[in-house]
Protein backbone atom coordinates (compact mmCIF):
# COMPACT_ATOMS: atom_id res chain seq x y z
CA MET A 1 28.56 3.35 31.43
CA SER A 2 26.92 0.05 32.29
CA LEU A 3 24.86 -2.42 30.30
CA LEU A 4 21.78 -3.62 32.19
CA TYR A 5 19.97 -6.90 31.48
CA ARG A 6 16.41 -7.96 32.29
CA LEU A 7 14.41 -11.06 31.46
CA LEU A 8 10.74 -10.19 31.10
CA THR A 9 8.28 -13.05 31.64
CA GLU A 10 4.52 -13.35 31.61
CA GLU A 11 1.72 -15.68 30.57
CA ASP A 12 1.13 -15.71 26.82
CA THR A 13 -1.41 -12.87 26.83
CA SER A 14 -1.50 -9.27 25.68
CA GLY A 15 -0.02 -8.46 29.11
CA PHE A 16 3.30 -9.85 27.93
CA CYS A 17 3.23 -7.67 24.81
CA HIS A 18 2.43 -4.62 26.95
CA LYS A 19 5.30 -5.43 29.33
CA VAL A 20 7.79 -5.65 26.44
CA SER A 21 6.34 -2.54 24.75
CA ASP A 22 6.67 -0.58 28.00
CA ALA A 23 10.33 -1.59 28.32
CA LEU A 24 11.00 -0.56 24.70
CA ALA A 25 9.32 2.80 25.29
CA LYS A 26 11.68 3.33 28.26
CA GLY A 27 14.78 2.78 26.12
CA TRP A 28 15.39 -0.94 26.60
CA ALA A 29 16.39 -2.93 23.49
CA LEU A 30 15.44 -6.48 22.56
CA HIS A 31 18.21 -9.00 23.14
CA GLY A 32 17.79 -12.26 21.27
CA ASP A 33 14.59 -14.04 20.35
CA PRO A 34 11.58 -14.50 22.62
CA SER A 35 11.07 -17.90 24.24
CA TYR A 36 7.89 -19.83 24.94
CA ALA A 37 7.37 -22.71 27.34
CA TYR A 38 4.44 -24.67 28.70
CA ASP A 39 3.94 -24.19 32.45
CA HIS A 40 2.66 -27.55 33.71
CA ALA A 41 1.73 -26.08 37.09
CA THR A 42 -0.75 -23.61 35.57
CA GLY A 43 -1.53 -25.35 32.28
CA LYS A 44 -0.64 -22.18 30.35
CA MET A 45 2.03 -21.03 27.94
CA ARG A 46 4.58 -18.53 29.27
CA CYS A 47 6.69 -16.08 27.29
CA ALA A 48 10.13 -14.62 27.98
CA GLN A 49 12.10 -11.84 26.30
CA ALA A 50 15.52 -10.55 27.27
CA VAL A 51 16.13 -6.80 27.04
CA THR A 52 19.22 -4.66 27.61
CA LYS A 53 19.84 -0.97 28.26
CA GLN A 54 22.99 1.13 28.32
CA ILE A 55 23.02 3.60 31.23
CA ASP A 56 25.37 6.27 32.49
CA GLY A 57 26.80 5.29 35.82
CA VAL A 58 27.77 2.07 37.48
CA TYR A 59 25.55 -0.98 37.94
CA THR A 60 24.81 -1.97 41.53
CA PRO A 61 22.82 -5.05 42.63
CA ASP A 62 20.34 -2.91 44.58
CA MET A 63 19.12 -1.10 41.41
CA LYS A 64 15.47 -1.55 40.55
CA LEU A 65 15.97 -2.46 36.91
CA GLY A 66 12.37 -1.74 35.93
CA GLU A 67 12.85 1.87 37.04
CA GLN A 68 15.94 2.47 34.88
């Protein structure tokens, strides 16, 4: 068994909520609190949320985490 980790990021829009909701629907679990930061380059707020997922098998760096 391996524990996978992803950091989801997006502008502060409903797109971010959909990205997190999609990960939760695929069995990922929230890890810690979300973060928000102002992106000076774009003039917009950005969000981040860490998620984790336990999988059978061994982690390898070539895994496409979003497909797990």
